[in-house]
Amino acid sequence: MRRTLTTLATFAAAAALTITVPGGPAFAIDHVECRGGENFLKIWSHSGGRQSVDCYANRGRTDFGGWWVDRISTGNNDLIYYDANGDSVRINRWTEISFPNRPPKVASIEIL
């Protein structure tokens, strides 16, 4: 009898937590294929003699590896980039910006 009551109490507690703790939406930034006509975040960058063009979609934050950013097109995404100096810079959606003389060295990016 005692084991049954303990089991019922455990299930009741689990059910109560399931009902009362809201499950917010899960977001994960994705590195996606750059395609014309899409409104992805698009970043042109360079590091160690290599150049790259990368696109991202969905909300979240990811490491950018300390690459130097030459140009950003936010598409329909609000962006914060975190540079290697510890500063954060917000760039609103539908913005295109280039850094021809002093590109930032970016540690991570976050789509809001």
PDB file of N, CA and C in Angstrom:
ATOM      1  N   MET A   1       0.825  -1.184   0.000  1.00  0.00           N
ATOM      2  CA  MET A   1       0.000   0.000   0.000  1.00  0.00           C
ATOM      3  C   MET A   1       0.881   1.264   0.000  1.00  0.00           C
ATOM      4  N   ARG A   2       1.930   1.207   0.832  1.00  0.00           N
ATOM      5  CA  ARG A   2       2.821   2.351   0.932  1.00  0.00           C
ATOM      6  C   ARG A   2       3.537   2.617  -0.406  1.00  0.00           C
ATOM      7  N   ARG A   3       3.945   1.568  -1.084  1.00  0.00           N
ATOM      8  CA  ARG A   3       4.604   1.701  -2.385  1.00  0.00           C
ATOM      9  C   ARG A   3       3.638   2.314  -3.397  1.00  0.00           C
ATOM     10  N   THR A   4       2.412   1.944  -3.383  1.00  0.00           N
ATOM     11  CA  THR A   4       1.407   2.479  -4.294  1.00  0.00           C
ATOM     12  C   THR A   4       1.222   3.969  -4.067  1.00  0.00           C
ATOM     13  N   LEU A   5       1.142   4.386  -2.801  1.00  0.00           N
ATOM     14  CA  LEU A   5       0.982   5.805  -2.490  1.00  0.00           C
ATOM     15  C   LEU A   5       2.199   6.611  -2.941  1.00  0.00           C
ATOM     16  N   THR A   6       3.387   6.066  -2.755  1.00  0.00           N
ATOM     17  CA  THR A   6       4.613   6.744  -3.185  1.00  0.00           C
ATOM     18  C   THR A   6       4.629   6.900  -4.702  1.00  0.00           C
ATOM     19  N   THR A   7       4.244   5.855  -5.408  1.00  0.00           N
ATOM     20  CA  THR A   7       4.199   5.900  -6.866  1.00  0.00           C
ATOM     21  C   THR A   7       3.179   6.922  -7.345  1.00  0.00           C
ATOM     22  N   LEU A   8       2.004   6.939  -6.729  1.00  0.00           N
ATOM     23  CA  LEU A   8       0.964   7.905  -7.102  1.00  0.00           C
ATOM     24  C   LEU A   8       1.422   9.336  -6.820  1.00  0.00           C
ATOM     25  N   ALA A   9       2.097   9.540  -5.700  1.00  0.00           N
ATOM     26  CA  ALA A   9       2.588  10.874  -5.363  1.00  0.00           C
ATOM     27  C   ALA A   9       3.635  11.328  -6.380  1.00  0.00           C
ATOM     28  N   THR A  10       4.492  10.429  -6.809  1.00  0.00           N
ATOM     29  CA  THR A  10       5.517  10.758  -7.799  1.00  0.00           C
ATOM     30  C   THR A  10       4.878  11.155  -9.130  1.00  0.00           C
ATOM     31  N   PHE A  11       3.898  10.385  -9.588  1.00  0.00           N
ATOM     32  CA  PHE A  11       3.199  10.714 -10.837  1.00  0.00           C
ATOM     33  C   PHE A  11       2.447  12.029 -10.714  1.00  0.00           C
ATOM     34  N   ALA A  12       1.837  12.287  -9.573  1.00  0.00           N
ATOM     35  CA  ALA A  12       1.102  13.539  -9.367  1.00  0.00           C
ATOM     36  C   ALA A  12       2.053  14.736  -9.409  1.00  0.00           C
ATOM     37  N   ALA A  13       3.215  14.601  -8.793  1.00  0.00           N
ATOM     38  CA  ALA A  13       4.198  15.689  -8.817  1.00  0.00           C
ATOM     39  C   ALA A  13       4.700  15.944 -10.232  1.00  0.00           C
ATOM     40  N   ALA A  14       4.970  14.889 -10.973  1.00  0.00           N
ATOM     41  CA  ALA A  14       5.433  15.035 -12.357  1.00  0.00           C
ATOM     42  C   ALA A  14       4.356  15.703 -13.215  1.00  0.00           C
ATOM     43  N   ALA A  15       3.115  15.307 -13.027  1.00  0.00           N
ATOM     44  CA  ALA A  15       2.016  15.898 -13.786  1.00  0.00           C
ATOM     45  C   ALA A  15       1.864  17.374 -13.439  1.00  0.00           C
ATOM     46  N   ALA A  16       1.990  17.724 -12.168  1.00  0.00           N
ATOM     47  CA  ALA A  16       1.871  19.115 -11.748  1.00  0.00           C
ATOM     48  C   ALA A  16       2.970  19.969 -12.374  1.00  0.00           C
ATOM     49  N   LEU A  17       4.185  19.474 -12.407  1.00  0.00           N
ATOM     50  CA  LEU A  17       5.283  20.220 -13.028  1.00  0.00           C
ATOM     51  C   LEU A  17       5.079  20.378 -14.520  1.00  0.00           C
ATOM     52  N   THR A  18       4.573  19.348 -15.145  1.00  0.00           N
ATOM     53  CA  THR A  18       4.322  19.405 -16.586  1.00  0.00           C
ATOM     54  C   THR A  18       3.285  20.464 -16.909  1.00  0.00           C
ATOM     55  N   ILE A  19       2.295  20.599 -16.084  1.00  0.00           N
ATOM     56  CA  ILE A  19       1.223  21.556 -16.330  1.00  0.00           C
ATOM     57  C   ILE A  19       1.645  22.974 -15.963  1.00  0.00           C
ATOM     58  N   THR A  20       2.370  23.165 -14.869  1.00  0.00           N
ATOM     59  CA  THR A  20       2.669  24.506 -14.370  1.00  0.00           C
ATOM     60  C   THR A  20       3.927  25.133 -14.938  1.00  0.00           C
ATOM     61  N   VAL A  21       4.879  24.370 -15.422  1.00  0.00           N
ATOM     62  CA  VAL A  21       6.108  24.930 -15.973  1.00  0.00           C
ATOM     63  C   VAL A  21       5.912  25.137 -17.469  1.00  0.00           C
ATOM     64  N   PRO A  22       5.882  26.409 -17.896  1.00  0.00           N
ATOM     65  CA  PRO A  22       5.653  26.645 -19.321  1.00  0.00           C
ATOM     66  C   PRO A  22       6.857  26.216 -20.145  1.00  0.00           C
ATOM     67  N   GLY A  23       6.595  25.590 -21.236  1.00  0.00           N
ATOM     68  CA  GLY A  23       7.656  25.206 -22.164  1.00  0.00           C
ATOM     69  C   GLY A  23       7.747  26.251 -23.240  1.00  0.00           C
ATOM     70  N   GLY A  24       8.734  27.135 -23.148  1.00  0.00           N
ATOM     71  CA  GLY A  24       8.904  28.185 -24.140  1.00  0.00           C
ATOM     72  C   GLY A  24       9.367  27.596 -25.456  1.00  0.00           C
ATOM     73  N   PRO A  25       9.268  28.395 -26.500  1.00  0.00           N
ATOM     74  CA  PRO A  25       9.715  27.900 -27.792  1.00  0.00           C
ATOM     75  C   PRO A  25      11.228  27.707 -27.798  1.00  0.00           C
ATOM     76  N   ALA A  26      11.658  26.640 -28.400  1.00  0.00           N
ATOM     77  CA  ALA A  26      13.090  26.355 -28.498  1.00  0.00           C
ATOM     78  C   ALA A  26      13.610  26.936 -29.801  1.00  0.00           C
ATOM     79  N   PHE A  27      14.693  27.678 -29.717  1.00  0.00           N
ATOM     80  CA  PHE A  27      15.272  28.285 -30.898  1.00  0.00           C
ATOM     81  C   PHE A  27      16.721  27.836 -31.031  1.00  0.00           C
ATOM     82  N   ALA A  28      17.120  27.614 -32.240  1.00  0.00           N
ATOM     83  CA  ALA A  28      18.515  27.253 -32.492  1.00  0.00           C
ATOM     84  C   ALA A  28      18.916  27.866 -33.826  1.00  0.00           C
ATOM     85  N   ILE A  29      19.934  28.696 -33.781  1.00  0.00           N
ATOM     86  CA  ILE A  29      20.421  29.314 -35.006  1.00  0.00           C
ATOM     87  C   ILE A  29      20.957  28.206 -35.919  1.00  0.00           C
ATOM     88  N   ASP A  30      20.714  28.359 -37.208  1.00  0.00           N
ATOM     89  CA  ASP A  30      21.154  27.361 -38.178  1.00  0.00           C
ATOM     90  C   ASP A  30      22.040  27.998 -39.237  1.00  0.00           C
ATOM     91  N   HIS A  31      23.140  27.337 -39.539  1.00  0.00           N
ATOM     92  CA  HIS A  31      23.986  27.708 -40.670  1.00  0.00           C
ATOM     93  C   HIS A  31      23.315  27.100 -41.885  1.00  0.00           C
ATOM     94  N   VAL A  32      22.884  27.932 -42.835  1.00  0.00           N
ATOM     95  CA  VAL A  32      22.114  27.444 -43.983  1.00  0.00           C
ATOM     96  C   VAL A  32      22.825  27.779 -45.286  1.00  0.00           C
ATOM     97  N   GLU A  33      22.393  27.119 -46.338  1.00  0.00           N
ATOM     98  CA  GLU A  33      22.924  27.390 -47.673  1.00  0.00           C
ATOM     99  C   GLU A  33      22.460  28.767 -48.129  1.00  0.00           C
ATOM    100  N   CYS A  34      23.371  29.575 -48.619  1.00  0.00           N
ATOM    101  CA  CYS A  34      23.016  30.892 -49.147  1.00  0.00           C
ATOM    102  C   CYS A  34      22.330  30.702 -50.495  1.00  0.00           C
ATOM    103  N   ARG A  35      21.131  31.246 -50.616  1.00  0.00           N
ATOM    104  CA  ARG A  35      20.373  31.153 -51.862  1.00  0.00           C
ATOM    105  C   ARG A  35      19.806  32.515 -52.207  1.00  0.00           C
ATOM    106  N   GLY A  36      19.844  32.870 -53.453  1.00  0.00           N
ATOM    107  CA  GLY A  36      19.278  34.131 -53.904  1.00  0.00           C
ATOM    108  C   GLY A  36      17.782  34.183 -53.627  1.00  0.00           C
ATOM    109  N   GLY A  37      17.304  35.353 -53.273  1.00  0.00           N
ATOM    110  CA  GLY A  37      15.884  35.520 -53.020  1.00  0.00           C
ATOM    111  C   GLY A  37      15.461  35.211 -51.592  1.00  0.00           C
ATOM    112  N   GLU A  38      16.355  34.650 -50.787  1.00  0.00           N
ATOM    113  CA  GLU A  38      16.047  34.368 -49.386  1.00  0.00           C
ATOM    114  C   GLU A  38      16.472  35.565 -48.542  1.00  0.00           C
ATOM    115  N   ASN A  39      15.826  35.739 -47.415  1.00  0.00           N
ATOM    116  CA  ASN A  39      16.133  36.868 -46.542  1.00  0.00           C
ATOM    117  C   ASN A  39      16.912  36.433 -45.310  1.00  0.00           C
ATOM    118  N   PHE A  40      17.898  35.565 -45.521  1.00  0.00           N
ATOM    119  CA  PHE A  40      18.735  35.082 -44.428  1.00  0.00           C
ATOM    120  C   PHE A  40      19.733  36.156 -44.009  1.00  0.00           C
ATOM    121  N   LEU A  41      20.296  36.002 -42.811  1.00  0.00           N
ATOM    122  CA  LEU A  41      21.449  36.782 -42.404  1.00  0.00           C
ATOM    123  C   LEU A  41      22.623  36.286 -43.248  1.00  0.00           C
ATOM    124  N   LYS A  42      23.344  37.205 -43.873  1.00  0.00           N
ATOM    125  CA  LYS A  42      24.451  36.818 -44.744  1.00  0.00           C
ATOM    126  C   LYS A  42      25.687  37.603 -44.311  1.00  0.00           C
ATOM    127  N   ILE A  43      26.792  36.886 -44.075  1.00  0.00           N
ATOM    128  CA  ILE A  43      28.014  37.508 -43.577  1.00  0.00           C
ATOM    129  C   ILE A  43      29.198  37.125 -44.466  1.00  0.00           C
ATOM    130  N   TRP A  44      29.905  38.144 -44.957  1.00  0.00           N
ATOM    131  CA  TRP A  44      31.136  37.958 -45.712  1.00  0.00           C
ATOM    132  C   TRP A  44      32.287  38.176 -44.738  1.00  0.00           C
ATOM    133  N   SER A  45      33.233  37.247 -44.683  1.00  0.00           N
ATOM    134  CA  SER A  45      34.311  37.358 -43.697  1.00  0.00           C
ATOM    135  C   SER A  45      35.610  36.768 -44.245  1.00  0.00           C
ATOM    136  N   HIS A  46      36.693  36.995 -43.491  1.00  0.00           N
ATOM    137  CA  HIS A  46      37.995  36.429 -43.861  1.00  0.00           C
ATOM    138  C   HIS A  46      38.806  36.148 -42.602  1.00  0.00           C
ATOM    139  N   SER A  47      39.732  35.196 -42.731  1.00  0.00           N
ATOM    140  CA  SER A  47      40.644  34.850 -41.638  1.00  0.00           C
ATOM    141  C   SER A  47      41.767  33.976 -42.193  1.00  0.00           C
ATOM    142  N   GLY A  48      42.987  34.281 -41.836  1.00  0.00           N
ATOM    143  CA  GLY A  48      44.133  33.456 -42.223  1.00  0.00           C
ATOM    144  C   GLY A  48      44.275  33.247 -43.710  1.00  0.00           C
ATOM    145  N   GLY A  49      43.969  34.273 -44.523  1.00  0.00           N
ATOM    146  CA  GLY A  49      44.089  34.158 -45.969  1.00  0.00           C
ATOM    147  C   GLY A  49      42.904  33.492 -46.654  1.00  0.00           C
ATOM    148  N   ARG A  50      41.918  33.055 -45.891  1.00  0.00           N
ATOM    149  CA  ARG A  50      40.708  32.437 -46.468  1.00  0.00           C
ATOM    150  C   ARG A  50      39.547  33.419 -46.393  1.00  0.00           C
ATOM    151  N   GLN A  51      38.637  33.297 -47.340  1.00  0.00           N
ATOM    152  CA  GLN A  51      37.426  34.112 -47.353  1.00  0.00           C
ATOM    153  C   GLN A  51      36.222  33.197 -47.289  1.00  0.00           C
ATOM    154  N   SER A  52      35.127  33.734 -46.744  1.00  0.00           N
ATOM    155  CA  SER A  52      33.925  32.917 -46.603  1.00  0.00           C
ATOM    156  C   SER A  52      32.686  33.794 -46.706  1.00  0.00           C
ATOM    157  N   VAL A  53      31.620  33.209 -47.221  1.00  0.00           N
ATOM    158  CA  VAL A  53      30.303  33.833 -47.216  1.00  0.00           C
ATOM    159  C   VAL A  53      29.375  32.817 -46.557  1.00  0.00           C
ATOM    160  N   ASP A  54      28.749  33.222 -45.464  1.00  0.00           N
ATOM    161  CA  ASP A  54      27.914  32.310 -44.679  1.00  0.00           C
ATOM    162  C   ASP A  54      26.543  32.910 -44.459  1.00  0.00           C
ATOM    163  N   CYS A  55      25.540  32.040 -44.434  1.00  0.00           N
ATOM    164  CA  CYS A  55      24.165  32.462 -44.183  1.00  0.00           C
ATOM    165  C   CYS A  55      23.613  31.736 -42.966  1.00  0.00           C
ATOM    166  N   TYR A  56      22.731  32.442 -42.245  1.00  0.00           N
ATOM    167  CA  TYR A  56      22.155  31.910 -41.013  1.00  0.00           C
ATOM    168  C   TYR A  56      20.665  32.203 -40.979  1.00  0.00           C
ATOM    169  N   ALA A  57      19.929  31.318 -40.308  1.00  0.00           N
ATOM    170  CA  ALA A  57      18.494  31.488 -40.122  1.00  0.00           C
ATOM    171  C   ALA A  57      18.130  31.054 -38.706  1.00  0.00           C
ATOM    172  N   ASN A  58      17.028  31.510 -38.243  1.00  0.00           N
ATOM    173  CA  ASN A  58      16.432  31.158 -36.950  1.00  0.00           C
ATOM    174  C   ASN A  58      17.124  31.867 -35.791  1.00  0.00           C
ATOM    175  N   ARG A  59      16.370  32.020 -34.755  1.00  0.00           N
ATOM    176  CA  ARG A  59      16.821  32.709 -33.545  1.00  0.00           C
ATOM    177  C   ARG A  59      17.855  31.881 -32.804  1.00  0.00           C
ATOM    178  N   GLY A  60      18.829  32.568 -32.204  1.00  0.00           N
ATOM    179  CA  GLY A  60      19.825  31.878 -31.398  1.00  0.00           C
ATOM    180  C   GLY A  60      21.185  32.523 -31.519  1.00  0.00           C
ATOM    181  N   ARG A  61      22.152  31.922 -30.847  1.00  0.00           N
ATOM    182  CA  ARG A  61      23.521  32.446 -30.821  1.00  0.00           C
ATOM    183  C   ARG A  61      24.491  31.321 -31.169  1.00  0.00           C
ATOM    184  N   THR A  62      25.549  31.679 -31.906  1.00  0.00           N
ATOM    185  CA  THR A  62      26.550  30.691 -32.286  1.00  0.00           C
ATOM    186  C   THR A  62      27.934  31.337 -32.334  1.00  0.00           C
ATOM    187  N   ASP A  63      28.934  30.525 -32.174  1.00  0.00           N
ATOM    188  CA  ASP A  63      30.321  30.951 -32.258  1.00  0.00           C
ATOM    189  C   ASP A  63      30.654  31.336 -33.701  1.00  0.00           C
ATOM    190  N   PHE A  64      31.438  32.401 -33.874  1.00  0.00           N
ATOM    191  CA  PHE A  64      31.848  32.808 -35.215  1.00  0.00           C
ATOM    192  C   PHE A  64      33.349  32.642 -35.414  1.00  0.00           C
ATOM    193  N   GLY A  65      34.062  32.211 -34.396  1.00  0.00           N
ATOM    194  CA  GLY A  65      35.455  31.817 -34.544  1.00  0.00           C
ATOM    195  C   GLY A  65      36.486  32.921 -34.659  1.00  0.00           C
ATOM    196  N   GLY A  66      36.114  34.174 -34.374  1.00  0.00           N
ATOM    197  CA  GLY A  66      37.090  35.250 -34.452  1.00  0.00           C
ATOM    198  C   GLY A  66      37.470  35.658 -35.864  1.00  0.00           C
ATOM    199  N   TRP A  67      36.582  35.412 -36.813  1.00  0.00           N
ATOM    200  CA  TRP A  67      36.831  35.839 -38.187  1.00  0.00           C
ATOM    201  C   TRP A  67      36.602  37.337 -38.298  1.00  0.00           C
ATOM    202  N   TRP A  68      37.292  37.974 -39.251  1.00  0.00           N
ATOM    203  CA  TRP A  68      37.116  39.390 -39.541  1.00  0.00           C
ATOM    204  C   TRP A  68      35.926  39.540 -40.481  1.00  0.00           C
ATOM    205  N   VAL A  69      34.968  40.374 -40.124  1.00  0.00           N
ATOM    206  CA  VAL A  69      33.744  40.539 -40.917  1.00  0.00           C
ATOM    207  C   VAL A  69      33.897  41.730 -41.859  1.00  0.00           C
ATOM    208  N   ASP A  70      33.722  41.464 -43.146  1.00  0.00           N
ATOM    209  CA  ASP A  70      33.848  42.494 -44.170  1.00  0.00           C
ATOM    210  C   ASP A  70      32.514  43.154 -44.501  1.00  0.00           C
ATOM    211  N   ARG A  71      31.438  42.367 -44.437  1.00  0.00           N
ATOM    212  CA  ARG A  71      30.118  42.864 -44.855  1.00  0.00           C
ATOM    213  C   ARG A  71      29.042  42.028 -44.190  1.00  0.00           C
ATOM    214  N   ILE A  72      27.900  42.674 -43.881  1.00  0.00           N
ATOM    215  CA  ILE A  72      26.749  41.983 -43.298  1.00  0.00           C
ATOM    216  C   ILE A  72      25.491  42.455 -43.991  1.00  0.00           C
ATOM    217  N   SER A  73      24.638  41.524 -44.355  1.00  0.00           N
ATOM    218  CA  SER A  73      23.291  41.811 -44.822  1.00  0.00           C
ATOM    219  C   SER A  73      22.354  41.055 -43.880  1.00  0.00           C
ATOM    220  N   THR A  74      21.556  41.791 -43.104  1.00  0.00           N
ATOM    221  CA  THR A  74      20.744  41.151 -42.064  1.00  0.00           C
ATOM    222  C   THR A  74      19.495  40.465 -42.601  1.00  0.00           C
ATOM    223  N   GLY A  75      19.031  40.823 -43.806  1.00  0.00           N
ATOM    224  CA  GLY A  75      17.779  40.237 -44.290  1.00  0.00           C
ATOM    225  C   GLY A  75      16.659  40.571 -43.320  1.00  0.00           C
ATOM    226  N   ASN A  76      15.820  39.613 -43.010  1.00  0.00           N
ATOM    227  CA  ASN A  76      14.710  39.881 -42.088  1.00  0.00           C
ATOM    228  C   ASN A  76      15.062  39.509 -40.647  1.00  0.00           C
ATOM    229  N   ASN A  77      16.323  39.647 -40.280  1.00  0.00           N
ATOM    230  CA  ASN A  77      16.800  39.267 -38.948  1.00  0.00           C
ATOM    231  C   ASN A  77      17.407  40.458 -38.217  1.00  0.00           C
ATOM    232  N   ASP A  78      17.057  40.615 -36.937  1.00  0.00           N
ATOM    233  CA  ASP A  78      17.766  41.551 -36.071  1.00  0.00           C
ATOM    234  C   ASP A  78      18.976  40.795 -35.542  1.00  0.00           C
ATOM    235  N   LEU A  79      20.119  41.444 -35.513  1.00  0.00           N
ATOM    236  CA  LEU A  79      21.383  40.776 -35.217  1.00  0.00           C
ATOM    237  C   LEU A  79      22.135  41.494 -34.109  1.00  0.00           C
ATOM    238  N   ILE A  80      22.809  40.738 -33.281  1.00  0.00           N
ATOM    239  CA  ILE A  80      23.842  41.271 -32.389  1.00  0.00           C
ATOM    240  C   ILE A  80      25.105  40.482 -32.697  1.00  0.00           C
ATOM    241  N   TYR A  81      26.196  41.203 -32.978  1.00  0.00           N
ATOM    242  CA  TYR A  81      27.469  40.493 -33.066  1.00  0.00           C
ATOM    243  C   TYR A  81      28.319  40.904 -31.872  1.00  0.00           C
ATOM    244  N   TYR A  82      29.076  39.932 -31.376  1.00  0.00           N
ATOM    245  CA  TYR A  82      29.939  40.116 -30.222  1.00  0.00           C
ATOM    246  C   TYR A  82      31.371  40.067 -30.728  1.00  0.00           C
ATOM    247  N   ASP A  83      32.082  41.204 -30.607  1.00  0.00           N
ATOM    248  CA  ASP A  83      33.433  41.211 -31.158  1.00  0.00           C
ATOM    249  C   ASP A  83      34.454  40.704 -30.145  1.00  0.00           C
ATOM    250  N   ALA A  84      35.659  40.507 -30.625  1.00  0.00           N
ATOM    251  CA  ALA A  84      36.721  39.922 -29.808  1.00  0.00           C
ATOM    252  C   ALA A  84      37.119  40.820 -28.642  1.00  0.00           C
ATOM    253  N   ASN A  85      36.757  42.101 -28.684  1.00  0.00           N
ATOM    254  CA  ASN A  85      37.060  43.028 -27.597  1.00  0.00           C
ATOM    255  C   ASN A  85      36.022  42.985 -26.478  1.00  0.00           C
ATOM    256  N   GLY A  86      34.964  42.200 -26.673  1.00  0.00           N
ATOM    257  CA  GLY A  86      33.921  42.103 -25.663  1.00  0.00           C
ATOM    258  C   GLY A  86      32.742  43.030 -25.888  1.00  0.00           C
ATOM    259  N   ASP A  87      32.789  43.848 -26.928  1.00  0.00           N
ATOM    260  CA  ASP A  87      31.664  44.726 -27.247  1.00  0.00           C
ATOM    261  C   ASP A  87      30.581  43.962 -27.987  1.00  0.00           C
ATOM    262  N   SER A  88      29.360  44.443 -27.879  1.00  0.00           N
ATOM    263  CA  SER A  88      28.259  43.873 -28.662  1.00  0.00           C
ATOM    264  C   SER A  88      27.648  44.997 -29.490  1.00  0.00           C
ATOM    265  N   VAL A  89      27.295  44.672 -30.720  1.00  0.00           N
ATOM    266  CA  VAL A  89      26.744  45.659 -31.647  1.00  0.00           C
ATOM    267  C   VAL A  89      25.457  45.096 -32.234  1.00  0.00           C
ATOM    268  N   ARG A  90      24.380  45.864 -32.101  1.00  0.00           N
ATOM    269  CA  ARG A  90      23.096  45.444 -32.663  1.00  0.00           C
ATOM    270  C   ARG A  90      22.923  46.083 -34.035  1.00  0.00           C
ATOM    271  N   ILE A  91      22.458  45.267 -34.977  1.00  0.00           N
ATOM    272  CA  ILE A  91      22.147  45.745 -36.320  1.00  0.00           C
ATOM    273  C   ILE A  91      20.722  45.300 -36.629  1.00  0.00           C
ATOM    274  N   ASN A  92      19.876  46.254 -36.996  1.00  0.00           N
ATOM    275  CA  ASN A  92      18.465  45.953 -37.259  1.00  0.00           C
ATOM    276  C   ASN A  92      18.263  45.243 -38.588  1.00  0.00           C
ATOM    277  N   ARG A  93      17.134  44.573 -38.683  1.00  0.00           N
ATOM    278  CA  ARG A  93      16.788  43.870 -39.927  1.00  0.00           C
ATOM    279  C   ARG A  93      16.754  44.832 -41.108  1.00  0.00           C
ATOM    280  N   TRP A  94      16.892  44.277 -42.289  1.00  0.00           N
ATOM    281  CA  TRP A  94      16.893  44.990 -43.561  1.00  0.00           C
ATOM    282  C   TRP A  94      18.029  46.018 -43.642  1.00  0.00           C
ATOM    283  N   THR A  95      19.146  45.691 -43.031  1.00  0.00           N
ATOM    284  CA  THR A  95      20.317  46.575 -43.056  1.00  0.00           C
ATOM    285  C   THR A  95      21.466  45.874 -43.766  1.00  0.00           C
ATOM    286  N   GLU A  96      22.170  46.637 -44.566  1.00  0.00           N
ATOM    287  CA  GLU A  96      23.381  46.124 -45.197  1.00  0.00           C
ATOM    288  C   GLU A  96      24.503  47.073 -44.830  1.00  0.00           C
ATOM    289  N   ILE A  97      25.583  46.522 -44.302  1.00  0.00           N
ATOM    290  CA  ILE A  97      26.701  47.332 -43.831  1.00  0.00           C
ATOM    291  C   ILE A  97      28.006  46.663 -44.244  1.00  0.00           C
ATOM    292  N   SER A  98      28.996  47.491 -44.604  1.00  0.00           N
ATOM    293  CA  SER A  98      30.311  46.934 -44.932  1.00  0.00           C
ATOM    294  C   SER A  98      31.376  47.648 -44.111  1.00  0.00           C
ATOM    295  N   PHE A  99      32.472  46.969 -43.910  1.00  0.00           N
ATOM    296  CA  PHE A  99      33.579  47.460 -43.096  1.00  0.00           C
ATOM    297  C   PHE A  99      34.853  47.422 -43.946  1.00  0.00           C
ATOM    298  N   PRO A 100      35.022  48.354 -44.888  1.00  0.00           N
ATOM    299  CA  PRO A 100      36.156  48.272 -45.803  1.00  0.00           C
ATOM    300  C   PRO A 100      37.508  48.571 -45.159  1.00  0.00           C
ATOM    301  N   ASN A 101      37.544  49.427 -44.137  1.00  0.00           N
ATOM    302  CA  ASN A 101      38.820  49.837 -43.564  1.00  0.00           C
ATOM    303  C   ASN A 101      39.155  49.178 -42.238  1.00  0.00           C
ATOM    304  N   ARG A 102      38.176  48.973 -41.388  1.00  0.00           N
ATOM    305  CA  ARG A 102      38.424  48.417 -40.057  1.00  0.00           C
ATOM    306  C   ARG A 102      37.382  47.344 -39.745  1.00  0.00           C
ATOM    307  N   PRO A 103      37.523  46.170 -40.305  1.00  0.00           N
ATOM    308  CA  PRO A 103      36.533  45.119 -40.045  1.00  0.00           C
ATOM    309  C   PRO A 103      36.610  44.642 -38.595  1.00  0.00           C
ATOM    310  N   PRO A 104      35.459  44.354 -38.006  1.00  0.00           N
ATOM    311  CA  PRO A 104      35.471  43.810 -36.651  1.00  0.00           C
ATOM    312  C   PRO A 104      35.852  42.333 -36.642  1.00  0.00           C
ATOM    313  N   LYS A 105      36.545  41.923 -35.621  1.00  0.00           N
ATOM    314  CA  LYS A 105      36.861  40.512 -35.411  1.00  0.00           C
ATOM    315  C   LYS A 105      35.745  39.962 -34.520  1.00  0.00           C
ATOM    316  N   VAL A 106      34.930  39.070 -35.058  1.00  0.00           N
ATOM    317  CA  VAL A 106      33.694  38.661 -34.399  1.00  0.00           C
ATOM    318  C   VAL A 106      33.846  37.303 -33.715  1.00  0.00           C
ATOM    319  N   ALA A 107      33.528  37.282 -32.438  1.00  0.00           N
ATOM    320  CA  ALA A 107      33.601  36.045 -31.647  1.00  0.00           C
ATOM    321  C   ALA A 107      32.333  35.217 -31.792  1.00  0.00           C
ATOM    322  N   SER A 108      31.168  35.877 -31.785  1.00  0.00           N
ATOM    323  CA  SER A 108      29.908  35.147 -31.930  1.00  0.00           C
ATOM    324  C   SER A 108      28.840  36.069 -32.494  1.00  0.00           C
ATOM    325  N   ILE A 109      27.770  35.462 -33.014  1.00  0.00           N
ATOM    326  CA  ILE A 109      26.642  36.203 -33.555  1.00  0.00           C
ATOM    327  C   ILE A 109      25.363  35.686 -32.928  1.00  0.00           C
ATOM    328  N   GLU A 110      24.367  36.571 -32.860  1.00  0.00           N
ATOM    329  CA  GLU A 110      23.081  36.185 -32.289  1.00  0.00           C
ATOM    330  C   GLU A 110      21.950  36.799 -33.118  1.00  0.00           C
ATOM    331  N   ILE A 111      21.046  35.953 -33.588  1.00  0.00           N
ATOM    332  CA  ILE A 111      19.840  36.428 -34.251  1.00  0.00           C
ATOM    333  C   ILE A 111      18.758  36.523 -33.185  1.00  0.00           C
ATOM    334  N   LEU A 112      18.136  37.698 -33.110  1.00  0.00           N
ATOM    335  CA  LEU A 112      17.106  37.941 -32.089  1.00  0.00           C
ATOM    336  C   LEU A 112      15.732  37.523 -32.559  1.00  0.00           C
TER     337      LEU A 112
END
